[in-house]
Every structure is written in structure tokens, then in C-alpha cells.
Amino acid sequence: LMSSGFVYAGKALAGKTALSADDFAKLYMLFADGVAARGKAQRGERT
């Protein structure tokens, strides 16, 4: 699950050699979305 978060976020941020504050903030949501997509879960399910 954690590895999927990195892969998902990495695909979205490809081409960047540095992350701005905007990119950095987006990284959290991208990572969470990657974990959710792999785990087929959603918030509120105690995960």
C-alpha cells in the first residue's frame, strides 16, 4: 500500500526536479489516493 502511494504520486509529479509548496501540498493527496486505489478502501473504514 505504501509503495503504491509513492508510485501513484511519482507518476503525477514526473518531470519535476524540485517540488514547490504547491507540489508538496498536493503530494499528500496524491499519496493517499494511490493507497486508496490499491487498497480499494475509503475513509472512515479504520485504515
All heavy atoms as atom14 arrays in JSON, in Angstrom:
{
  "sequence": "LMSSGFVYAGKALAGKTALSADDFAKLYMLFADGVAARGKAQRGERT",
  "atom14_mask": [
    [1, 1, 1, 1, 1, 1, 1, 1, 0, 0, 0, 0, 0, 0],
    [1, 1, 1, 1, 1, 1, 1, 1, 0, 0, 0, 0, 0, 0],
    [1, 1, 1, 1, 1, 1, 0, 0, 0, 0, 0, 0, 0, 0],
    [1, 1, 1, 1, 1, 1, 0, 0, 0, 0, 0, 0, 0, 0],
    [1, 1, 1, 1, 0, 0, 0, 0, 0, 0, 0, 0, 0, 0],
    [1, 1, 1, 1, 1, 1, 1, 1, 1, 1, 1, 0, 0, 0],
    [1, 1, 1, 1, 1, 1, 1, 0, 0, 0, 0, 0, 0, 0],
    [1, 1, 1, 1, 1, 1, 1, 1, 1, 1, 1, 1, 0, 0],
    [1, 1, 1, 1, 1, 0, 0, 0, 0, 0, 0, 0, 0, 0],
    [1, 1, 1, 1, 0, 0, 0, 0, 0, 0, 0, 0, 0, 0],
    [1, 1, 1, 1, 1, 1, 1, 1, 1, 0, 0, 0, 0, 0],
    [1, 1, 1, 1, 1, 0, 0, 0, 0, 0, 0, 0, 0, 0],
    [1, 1, 1, 1, 1, 1, 1, 1, 0, 0, 0, 0, 0, 0],
    [1, 1, 1, 1, 1, 0, 0, 0, 0, 0, 0, 0, 0, 0],
    [1, 1, 1, 1, 0, 0, 0, 0, 0, 0, 0, 0, 0, 0],
    [1, 1, 1, 1, 1, 1, 1, 1, 1, 0, 0, 0, 0, 0],
    [1, 1, 1, 1, 1, 1, 1, 0, 0, 0, 0, 0, 0, 0],
    [1, 1, 1, 1, 1, 0, 0, 0, 0, 0, 0, 0, 0, 0],
    [1, 1, 1, 1, 1, 1, 1, 1, 0, 0, 0, 0, 0, 0],
    [1, 1, 1, 1, 1, 1, 0, 0, 0, 0, 0, 0, 0, 0],
    [1, 1, 1, 1, 1, 0, 0, 0, 0, 0, 0, 0, 0, 0],
    [1, 1, 1, 1, 1, 1, 1, 1, 0, 0, 0, 0, 0, 0],
    [1, 1, 1, 1, 1, 1, 1, 1, 0, 0, 0, 0, 0, 0],
    [1, 1, 1, 1, 1, 1, 1, 1, 1, 1, 1, 0, 0, 0],
    [1, 1, 1, 1, 1, 0, 0, 0, 0, 0, 0, 0, 0, 0],
    [1, 1, 1, 1, 1, 1, 1, 1, 1, 0, 0, 0, 0, 0],
    [1, 1, 1, 1, 1, 1, 1, 1, 0, 0, 0, 0, 0, 0],
    [1, 1, 1, 1, 1, 1, 1, 1, 1, 1, 1, 1, 0, 0],
    [1, 1, 1, 1, 1, 1, 1, 1, 0, 0, 0, 0, 0, 0],
    [1, 1, 1, 1, 1, 1, 1, 1, 0, 0, 0, 0, 0, 0],
    [1, 1, 1, 1, 1, 1, 1, 1, 1, 1, 1, 0, 0, 0],
    [1, 1, 1, 1, 1, 0, 0, 0, 0, 0, 0, 0, 0, 0],
    [1, 1, 1, 1, 1, 1, 1, 1, 0, 0, 0, 0, 0, 0],
    [1, 1, 1, 1, 0, 0, 0, 0, 0, 0, 0, 0, 0, 0],
    [1, 1, 1, 1, 1, 1, 1, 0, 0, 0, 0, 0, 0, 0],
    [1, 1, 1, 1, 1, 0, 0, 0, 0, 0, 0, 0, 0, 0],
    [1, 1, 1, 1, 1, 0, 0, 0, 0, 0, 0, 0, 0, 0],
    [1, 1, 1, 1, 1, 1, 1, 1, 1, 1, 1, 0, 0, 0],
    [1, 1, 1, 1, 0, 0, 0, 0, 0, 0, 0, 0, 0, 0],
    [1, 1, 1, 1, 1, 1, 1, 1, 1, 0, 0, 0, 0, 0],
    [1, 1, 1, 1, 1, 0, 0, 0, 0, 0, 0, 0, 0, 0],
    [1, 1, 1, 1, 1, 1, 1, 1, 1, 0, 0, 0, 0, 0],
    [1, 1, 1, 1, 1, 1, 1, 1, 1, 1, 1, 0, 0, 0],
    [1, 1, 1, 1, 0, 0, 0, 0, 0, 0, 0, 0, 0, 0],
    [1, 1, 1, 1, 1, 1, 1, 1, 1, 0, 0, 0, 0, 0],
    [1, 1, 1, 1, 1, 1, 1, 1, 1, 1, 1, 0, 0, 0],
    [1, 1, 1, 1, 1, 1, 1, 0, 0, 0, 0, 0, 0, 0]
  ],
  "atom14_positions": [
    [[0.82, -1.21, 0.0], [0.0, 0.0, 0.0], [0.85, 1.26, 0.0], [0.62, 2.19, -0.78], [-0.94, 0.0, 1.21], [-2.07, -1.02, 1.19], [-2.82, -1.01, 2.52], [-3.04, -0.74, 0.04], [0.0, 0.0, 0.0], [0.0, 0.0, 0.0], [0.0, 0.0, 0.0], [0.0, 0.0, 0.0], [0.0, 0.0, 0.0], [0.0, 0.0, 0.0]],
    [[1.83, 1.31, 0.89], [2.69, 2.49, 0.96], [3.49, 2.67, -0.33], [3.66, 3.79, -0.82], [3.64, 2.38, 2.15], [2.95, 2.5, 3.5], [2.34, 4.19, 3.79], [2.28, 4.24, 5.58], [0.0, 0.0, 0.0], [0.0, 0.0, 0.0], [0.0, 0.0, 0.0], [0.0, 0.0, 0.0], [0.0, 0.0, 0.0], [0.0, 0.0, 0.0]],
    [[3.97, 1.57, -0.88], [4.72, 1.67, -2.13], [3.83, 2.18, -3.25], [4.28, 2.96, -4.1], [5.33, 0.32, -2.49], [4.33, -0.63, -2.83], [0.0, 0.0, 0.0], [0.0, 0.0, 0.0], [0.0, 0.0, 0.0], [0.0, 0.0, 0.0], [0.0, 0.0, 0.0], [0.0, 0.0, 0.0], [0.0, 0.0, 0.0], [0.0, 0.0, 0.0]],
    [[2.57, 1.78, -3.24], [1.63, 2.24, -4.26], [1.41, 3.75, -4.17], [1.22, 4.42, -5.18], [0.29, 1.51, -4.12], [0.45, 0.13, -4.35], [0.0, 0.0, 0.0], [0.0, 0.0, 0.0], [0.0, 0.0, 0.0], [0.0, 0.0, 0.0], [0.0, 0.0, 0.0], [0.0, 0.0, 0.0], [0.0, 0.0, 0.0], [0.0, 0.0, 0.0]],
    [[1.44, 4.28, -2.94], [1.31, 5.72, -2.77], [2.44, 6.46, -3.45], [2.21, 7.48, -4.12], [0.0, 0.0, 0.0], [0.0, 0.0, 0.0], [0.0, 0.0, 0.0], [0.0, 0.0, 0.0], [0.0, 0.0, 0.0], [0.0, 0.0, 0.0], [0.0, 0.0, 0.0], [0.0, 0.0, 0.0], [0.0, 0.0, 0.0], [0.0, 0.0, 0.0]],
    [[3.65, 5.95, -3.32], [4.8, 6.59, -3.95], [4.74, 6.47, -5.47], [5.04, 7.44, -6.18], [6.1, 5.97, -3.44], [6.59, 6.59, -2.16], [6.56, 5.87, -0.97], [7.08, 7.88, -2.14], [7.01, 6.44, 0.21], [7.53, 8.46, -0.96], [7.49, 7.73, 0.22], [0.0, 0.0, 0.0], [0.0, 0.0, 0.0], [0.0, 0.0, 0.0]],
    [[4.36, 5.31, -5.96], [4.29, 5.12, -7.41], [3.23, 6.03, -8.02], [3.46, 6.69, -9.05], [4.0, 3.64, -7.75], [3.73, 3.48, -9.24], [5.18, 2.76, -7.33], [0.0, 0.0, 0.0], [0.0, 0.0, 0.0], [0.0, 0.0, 0.0], [0.0, 0.0, 0.0], [0.0, 0.0, 0.0], [0.0, 0.0, 0.0], [0.0, 0.0, 0.0]],
    [[2.07, 6.11, -7.4], [0.98, 6.94, -7.89], [1.37, 8.42, -7.89], [1.17, 9.14, -8.87], [-0.25, 6.71, -7.01], [-1.52, 7.37, -7.5], [-2.42, 6.67, -8.3], [-1.85, 8.67, -7.14], [-3.6, 7.26, -8.74], [-3.02, 9.27, -7.57], [-3.89, 8.56, -8.37], [-5.05, 9.14, -8.8], [0.0, 0.0, 0.0], [0.0, 0.0, 0.0]],
    [[1.93, 8.86, -6.78], [2.36, 10.26, -6.68], [3.48, 10.56, -7.66], [3.52, 11.63, -8.29], [2.81, 10.57, -5.26], [0.0, 0.0, 0.0], [0.0, 0.0, 0.0], [0.0, 0.0, 0.0], [0.0, 0.0, 0.0], [0.0, 0.0, 0.0], [0.0, 0.0, 0.0], [0.0, 0.0, 0.0], [0.0, 0.0, 0.0], [0.0, 0.0, 0.0]],
    [[4.4, 9.6, -7.81], [5.51, 9.79, -8.73], [5.06, 9.99, -10.16], [5.6, 10.83, -10.89], [0.0, 0.0, 0.0], [0.0, 0.0, 0.0], [0.0, 0.0, 0.0], [0.0, 0.0, 0.0], [0.0, 0.0, 0.0], [0.0, 0.0, 0.0], [0.0, 0.0, 0.0], [0.0, 0.0, 0.0], [0.0, 0.0, 0.0], [0.0, 0.0, 0.0]],
    [[4.06, 9.24, -10.58], [3.55, 9.39, -11.94], [3.0, 10.79, -12.16], [3.2, 11.39, -13.22], [2.46, 8.35, -12.2], [2.97, 6.92, -12.34], [1.82, 5.96, -12.57], [2.34, 4.52, -12.71], [1.22, 3.55, -12.9], [0.0, 0.0, 0.0], [0.0, 0.0, 0.0], [0.0, 0.0, 0.0], [0.0, 0.0, 0.0], [0.0, 0.0, 0.0]],
    [[2.33, 11.32, -11.16], [1.72, 12.65, -11.28], [2.77, 13.76, -11.25], [2.55, 14.83, -11.82], [0.7, 12.87, -10.17], [0.0, 0.0, 0.0], [0.0, 0.0, 0.0], [0.0, 0.0, 0.0], [0.0, 0.0, 0.0], [0.0, 0.0, 0.0], [0.0, 0.0, 0.0], [0.0, 0.0, 0.0], [0.0, 0.0, 0.0], [0.0, 0.0, 0.0]],
    [[3.89, 13.5, -10.59], [4.91, 14.54, -10.42], [6.11, 14.34, -11.34], [7.12, 15.01, -11.18], [5.36, 14.57, -8.97], [4.27, 14.96, -7.95], [4.77, 14.73, -6.53], [3.85, 16.41, -8.15], [0.0, 0.0, 0.0], [0.0, 0.0, 0.0], [0.0, 0.0, 0.0], [0.0, 0.0, 0.0], [0.0, 0.0, 0.0], [0.0, 0.0, 0.0]],
    [[6.0, 13.43, -12.29], [7.11, 13.16, -13.21], [7.49, 14.43, -13.95], [6.64, 15.24, -14.34], [6.72, 12.07, -14.19], [0.0, 0.0, 0.0], [0.0, 0.0, 0.0], [0.0, 0.0, 0.0], [0.0, 0.0, 0.0], [0.0, 0.0, 0.0], [0.0, 0.0, 0.0], [0.0, 0.0, 0.0], [0.0, 0.0, 0.0], [0.0, 0.0, 0.0]],
    [[8.8, 14.62, -14.13], [9.3, 15.78, -14.85], [9.78, 16.89, -13.94], [10.41, 17.84, -14.39], [0.0, 0.0, 0.0], [0.0, 0.0, 0.0], [0.0, 0.0, 0.0], [0.0, 0.0, 0.0], [0.0, 0.0, 0.0], [0.0, 0.0, 0.0], [0.0, 0.0, 0.0], [0.0, 0.0, 0.0], [0.0, 0.0, 0.0], [0.0, 0.0, 0.0]],
    [[9.52, 16.77, -12.64], [9.93, 17.81, -11.69], [11.23, 17.42, -10.99], [11.37, 16.31, -10.51], [8.83, 18.04, -10.65], [7.54, 18.6, -11.24], [6.5, 18.85, -10.16], [5.22, 19.44, -10.75], [5.42, 20.82, -11.26], [0.0, 0.0, 0.0], [0.0, 0.0, 0.0], [0.0, 0.0, 0.0], [0.0, 0.0, 0.0], [0.0, 0.0, 0.0]],
    [[12.15, 18.36, -10.94], [13.4, 18.13, -10.21], [13.36, 18.77, -8.83], [14.26, 18.57, -8.03], [14.61, 18.68, -10.99], [14.38, 20.07, -11.26], [14.78, 17.93, -12.32], [0.0, 0.0, 0.0], [0.0, 0.0, 0.0], [0.0, 0.0, 0.0], [0.0, 0.0, 0.0], [0.0, 0.0, 0.0], [0.0, 0.0, 0.0], [0.0, 0.0, 0.0]],
    [[12.31, 19.53, -8.57], [12.09, 20.12, -7.26], [10.6, 20.35, -7.07], [9.88, 20.63, -8.04], [12.85, 21.44, -7.11], [0.0, 0.0, 0.0], [0.0, 0.0, 0.0], [0.0, 0.0, 0.0], [0.0, 0.0, 0.0], [0.0, 0.0, 0.0], [0.0, 0.0, 0.0], [0.0, 0.0, 0.0], [0.0, 0.0, 0.0], [0.0, 0.0, 0.0]],
    [[10.14, 20.22, -5.83], [8.73, 20.42, -5.52], [8.54, 21.76, -4.85], [9.19, 22.06, -3.85], [8.22, 19.31, -4.59], [8.37, 17.86, -5.07], [7.75, 16.92, -4.03], [7.75, 17.65, -6.44], [0.0, 0.0, 0.0], [0.0, 0.0, 0.0], [0.0, 0.0, 0.0], [0.0, 0.0, 0.0], [0.0, 0.0, 0.0], [0.0, 0.0, 0.0]],
    [[7.65, 22.57, -5.39], [7.28, 23.83, -4.77], [6.33, 23.55, -3.6], [5.93, 22.39, -3.37], [6.56, 24.72, -5.78], [5.33, 24.11, -6.18], [0.0, 0.0, 0.0], [0.0, 0.0, 0.0], [0.0, 0.0, 0.0], [0.0, 0.0, 0.0], [0.0, 0.0, 0.0], [0.0, 0.0, 0.0], [0.0, 0.0, 0.0], [0.0, 0.0, 0.0]],
    [[5.95, 24.58, -2.88], [4.99, 24.4, -1.79], [3.68, 23.83, -2.32], [3.05, 22.97, -1.7], [4.74, 25.73, -1.08], [0.0, 0.0, 0.0], [0.0, 0.0, 0.0], [0.0, 0.0, 0.0], [0.0, 0.0, 0.0], [0.0, 0.0, 0.0], [0.0, 0.0, 0.0], [0.0, 0.0, 0.0], [0.0, 0.0, 0.0], [0.0, 0.0, 0.0]],
    [[3.27, 24.28, -3.5], [2.05, 23.78, -4.12], [2.17, 22.29, -4.44], [1.27, 21.5, -4.14], [1.76, 24.58, -5.39], [0.45, 24.17, -6.05], [-0.61, 24.42, -5.46], [0.5, 23.57, -7.14], [0.0, 0.0, 0.0], [0.0, 0.0, 0.0], [0.0, 0.0, 0.0], [0.0, 0.0, 0.0], [0.0, 0.0, 0.0], [0.0, 0.0, 0.0]],
    [[3.29, 21.9, -5.04], [3.53, 20.48, -5.34], [3.57, 19.66, -4.06], [3.03, 18.55, -4.0], [4.87, 20.31, -6.07], [4.92, 20.99, -7.41], [3.9, 21.02, -8.11], [6.01, 21.52, -7.76], [0.0, 0.0, 0.0], [0.0, 0.0, 0.0], [0.0, 0.0, 0.0], [0.0, 0.0, 0.0], [0.0, 0.0, 0.0], [0.0, 0.0, 0.0]],
    [[4.23, 20.19, -3.05], [4.4, 19.49, -1.78], [3.04, 19.23, -1.13], [2.79, 18.13, -0.62], [5.29, 20.31, -0.86], [5.59, 19.67, 0.46], [6.46, 18.59, 0.55], [5.0, 20.14, 1.62], [6.73, 17.99, 1.78], [5.26, 19.56, 2.85], [6.13, 18.48, 2.93], [0.0, 0.0, 0.0], [0.0, 0.0, 0.0], [0.0, 0.0, 0.0]],
    [[2.17, 20.22, -1.14], [0.84, 20.04, -0.57], [0.05, 19.0, -1.34], [-0.66, 18.17, -0.75], [0.09, 21.37, -0.55], [0.0, 0.0, 0.0], [0.0, 0.0, 0.0], [0.0, 0.0, 0.0], [0.0, 0.0, 0.0], [0.0, 0.0, 0.0], [0.0, 0.0, 0.0], [0.0, 0.0, 0.0], [0.0, 0.0, 0.0], [0.0, 0.0, 0.0]],
    [[0.19, 19.0, -2.66], [-0.52, 18.03, -3.5], [-0.02, 16.61, -3.26], [-0.76, 15.64, -3.43], [-0.37, 18.39, -4.97], [-1.14, 19.64, -5.39], [-0.87, 19.97, -6.85], [-1.64, 21.22, -7.27], [-1.32, 21.62, -8.67], [0.0, 0.0, 0.0], [0.0, 0.0, 0.0], [0.0, 0.0, 0.0], [0.0, 0.0, 0.0], [0.0, 0.0, 0.0]],
    [[1.25, 16.5, -2.89], [1.85, 15.19, -2.68], [1.07, 14.37, -1.65], [0.89, 13.16, -1.81], [3.31, 15.36, -2.22], [4.08, 14.1, -1.83], [4.18, 13.15, -3.01], [5.48, 14.48, -1.35], [0.0, 0.0, 0.0], [0.0, 0.0, 0.0], [0.0, 0.0, 0.0], [0.0, 0.0, 0.0], [0.0, 0.0, 0.0], [0.0, 0.0, 0.0]],
    [[0.59, 15.01, -0.61], [-0.16, 14.29, 0.43], [-1.42, 13.64, -0.14], [-1.72, 12.48, 0.15], [-0.55, 15.25, 1.56], [0.6, 15.7, 2.43], [1.3, 16.87, 2.15], [0.98, 14.95, 3.55], [2.34, 17.29, 2.95], [2.03, 15.37, 4.35], [2.71, 16.54, 4.05], [3.75, 16.94, 4.85], [0.0, 0.0, 0.0], [0.0, 0.0, 0.0]],
    [[-2.16, 14.39, -0.96], [-3.39, 13.84, -1.53], [-3.09, 12.78, -2.57], [-3.77, 11.75, -2.65], [-4.24, 14.96, -2.13], [-5.63, 14.51, -2.59], [-6.67, 13.88, -1.21], [-7.09, 15.44, -0.39], [0.0, 0.0, 0.0], [0.0, 0.0, 0.0], [0.0, 0.0, 0.0], [0.0, 0.0, 0.0], [0.0, 0.0, 0.0], [0.0, 0.0, 0.0]],
    [[-2.07, 13.01, -3.38], [-1.69, 12.02, -4.38], [-1.3, 10.7, -3.72], [-1.69, 9.62, -4.17], [-0.51, 12.55, -5.21], [-0.83, 13.69, -6.19], [0.47, 14.3, -6.72], [-1.69, 13.18, -7.33], [0.0, 0.0, 0.0], [0.0, 0.0, 0.0], [0.0, 0.0, 0.0], [0.0, 0.0, 0.0], [0.0, 0.0, 0.0], [0.0, 0.0, 0.0]],
    [[-0.52, 10.81, -2.65], [-0.1, 9.6, -1.94], [-1.31, 8.85, -1.38], [-1.44, 7.63, -1.54], [0.85, 9.98, -0.8], [1.52, 8.8, -0.15], [2.74, 8.32, -0.62], [0.93, 8.15, 0.93], [3.35, 7.22, -0.02], [1.53, 7.06, 1.53], [2.75, 6.59, 1.05], [0.0, 0.0, 0.0], [0.0, 0.0, 0.0], [0.0, 0.0, 0.0]],
    [[-2.21, 9.58, -0.74], [-3.41, 8.96, -0.17], [-4.26, 8.32, -1.25], [-4.78, 7.2, -1.08], [-4.22, 9.99, 0.61], [0.0, 0.0, 0.0], [0.0, 0.0, 0.0], [0.0, 0.0, 0.0], [0.0, 0.0, 0.0], [0.0, 0.0, 0.0], [0.0, 0.0, 0.0], [0.0, 0.0, 0.0], [0.0, 0.0, 0.0], [0.0, 0.0, 0.0]],
    [[-4.41, 9.0, -2.39], [-5.21, 8.45, -3.48], [-4.58, 7.18, -4.04], [-5.29, 6.24, -4.42], [-5.34, 9.48, -4.6], [-6.34, 10.59, -4.29], [-7.14, 10.42, -3.34], [-6.32, 11.61, -4.99], [0.0, 0.0, 0.0], [0.0, 0.0, 0.0], [0.0, 0.0, 0.0], [0.0, 0.0, 0.0], [0.0, 0.0, 0.0], [0.0, 0.0, 0.0]],
    [[-3.25, 7.13, -4.09], [-2.57, 5.94, -4.55], [-2.8, 4.75, -3.64], [-3.04, 3.62, -4.09], [0.0, 0.0, 0.0], [0.0, 0.0, 0.0], [0.0, 0.0, 0.0], [0.0, 0.0, 0.0], [0.0, 0.0, 0.0], [0.0, 0.0, 0.0], [0.0, 0.0, 0.0], [0.0, 0.0, 0.0], [0.0, 0.0, 0.0], [0.0, 0.0, 0.0]],
    [[-2.75, 5.01, -2.34], [-3.01, 3.95, -1.36], [-4.45, 3.48, -1.46], [-4.74, 2.27, -1.44], [-2.7, 4.44, 0.07], [-3.14, 3.41, 1.11], [-1.21, 4.74, 0.22], [0.0, 0.0, 0.0], [0.0, 0.0, 0.0], [0.0, 0.0, 0.0], [0.0, 0.0, 0.0], [0.0, 0.0, 0.0], [0.0, 0.0, 0.0], [0.0, 0.0, 0.0]],
    [[-5.37, 4.43, -1.59], [-6.79, 4.09, -1.69], [-7.1, 3.26, -2.94], [-7.87, 2.3, -2.89], [-7.64, 5.36, -1.68], [0.0, 0.0, 0.0], [0.0, 0.0, 0.0], [0.0, 0.0, 0.0], [0.0, 0.0, 0.0], [0.0, 0.0, 0.0], [0.0, 0.0, 0.0], [0.0, 0.0, 0.0], [0.0, 0.0, 0.0], [0.0, 0.0, 0.0]],
    [[-6.48, 3.65, -4.04], [-6.72, 2.93, -5.29], [-6.24, 1.49, -5.2], [-6.91, 0.57, -5.69], [-6.02, 3.65, -6.45], [0.0, 0.0, 0.0], [0.0, 0.0, 0.0], [0.0, 0.0, 0.0], [0.0, 0.0, 0.0], [0.0, 0.0, 0.0], [0.0, 0.0, 0.0], [0.0, 0.0, 0.0], [0.0, 0.0, 0.0], [0.0, 0.0, 0.0]],
    [[-5.11, 1.29, -4.57], [-4.56, -0.07, -4.45], [-5.33, -0.89, -3.42], [-5.61, -2.08, -3.62], [-3.08, -0.02, -4.06], [-2.38, -1.37, -4.03], [-2.49, -2.07, -5.38], [-1.9, -3.38, -5.37], [-0.66, -3.64, -5.8], [0.1, -2.65, -6.25], [-0.19, -4.87, -5.79], [0.0, 0.0, 0.0], [0.0, 0.0, 0.0], [0.0, 0.0, 0.0]],
    [[-5.71, -0.26, -2.31], [-6.38, -1.0, -1.25], [-7.88, -1.13, -1.41], [-8.52, -1.88, -0.67], [0.0, 0.0, 0.0], [0.0, 0.0, 0.0], [0.0, 0.0, 0.0], [0.0, 0.0, 0.0], [0.0, 0.0, 0.0], [0.0, 0.0, 0.0], [0.0, 0.0, 0.0], [0.0, 0.0, 0.0], [0.0, 0.0, 0.0], [0.0, 0.0, 0.0]],
    [[-8.47, -0.4, -2.35], [-9.92, -0.44, -2.59], [-10.7, -0.1, -1.33], [-11.76, -0.68, -1.06], [-10.36, -1.82, -3.1], [-9.56, -2.34, -4.28], [-9.68, -1.44, -5.49], [-8.91, -2.03, -6.67], [-8.9, -1.1, -7.84], [0.0, 0.0, 0.0], [0.0, 0.0, 0.0], [0.0, 0.0, 0.0], [0.0, 0.0, 0.0], [0.0, 0.0, 0.0]],
    [[-10.18, 0.84, -0.56], [-10.85, 1.26, 0.68], [-11.15, 2.75, 0.59], [-10.8, 3.42, -0.37], [-9.97, 0.97, 1.88], [0.0, 0.0, 0.0], [0.0, 0.0, 0.0], [0.0, 0.0, 0.0], [0.0, 0.0, 0.0], [0.0, 0.0, 0.0], [0.0, 0.0, 0.0], [0.0, 0.0, 0.0], [0.0, 0.0, 0.0], [0.0, 0.0, 0.0]],
    [[-11.83, 3.25, 1.61], [-12.13, 4.68, 1.66], [-12.08, 5.15, 3.1], [-11.97, 4.34, 4.03], [-13.51, 4.96, 1.05], [-14.64, 4.19, 1.7], [-15.95, 4.36, 0.94], [-16.06, 5.13, 0.01], [-16.96, 3.62, 1.35], [0.0, 0.0, 0.0], [0.0, 0.0, 0.0], [0.0, 0.0, 0.0], [0.0, 0.0, 0.0], [0.0, 0.0, 0.0]],
    [[-12.14, 6.46, 3.29], [-12.07, 6.98, 4.65], [-13.21, 6.46, 5.5], [-14.28, 6.17, 5.01], [-12.15, 8.49, 4.7], [-11.77, 9.28, 3.55], [-12.06, 10.75, 3.84], [-11.51, 11.58, 2.77], [-10.91, 12.74, 2.95], [-10.81, 13.24, 4.15], [-10.41, 13.41, 1.96], [0.0, 0.0, 0.0], [0.0, 0.0, 0.0], [0.0, 0.0, 0.0]],
    [[-12.95, 6.43, 6.79], [-13.99, 6.01, 7.73], [-14.09, 4.52, 7.94], [-14.95, 4.06, 8.69], [0.0, 0.0, 0.0], [0.0, 0.0, 0.0], [0.0, 0.0, 0.0], [0.0, 0.0, 0.0], [0.0, 0.0, 0.0], [0.0, 0.0, 0.0], [0.0, 0.0, 0.0], [0.0, 0.0, 0.0], [0.0, 0.0, 0.0], [0.0, 0.0, 0.0]],
    [[-13.2, 3.76, 7.31], [-13.23, 2.3, 7.43], [-12.11, 1.77, 8.32], [-11.79, 0.59, 8.3], [-13.16, 1.66, 6.05], [-14.39, 1.99, 5.2], [-14.35, 1.36, 3.83], [-13.23, 1.06, 3.32], [-15.43, 1.16, 3.24], [0.0, 0.0, 0.0], [0.0, 0.0, 0.0], [0.0, 0.0, 0.0], [0.0, 0.0, 0.0], [0.0, 0.0, 0.0]],
    [[-11.53, 2.67, 9.11], [-10.5, 2.29, 10.08], [-9.28, 1.66, 9.4], [-8.93, 0.5, 9.63], [-11.08, 1.35, 11.15], [-10.17, 1.2, 12.38], [-10.79, 0.24, 13.39], [-9.78, -0.27, 14.28], [-9.46, 0.25, 15.47], [-10.09, 1.3, 15.91], [-8.52, -0.31, 16.21], [0.0, 0.0, 0.0], [0.0, 0.0, 0.0], [0.0, 0.0, 0.0]],
    [[-8.65, 2.46, 8.56], [-7.44, 2.02, 7.86], [-6.42, 3.16, 7.87], [-6.68, 4.23, 8.42], [-7.73, 1.65, 6.39], [-8.0, 2.84, 5.64], [-8.9, 0.68, 6.28], [0.0, 0.0, 0.0], [0.0, 0.0, 0.0], [0.0, 0.0, 0.0], [0.0, 0.0, 0.0], [0.0, 0.0, 0.0], [0.0, 0.0, 0.0], [0.0, 0.0, 0.0]]
  ]
}
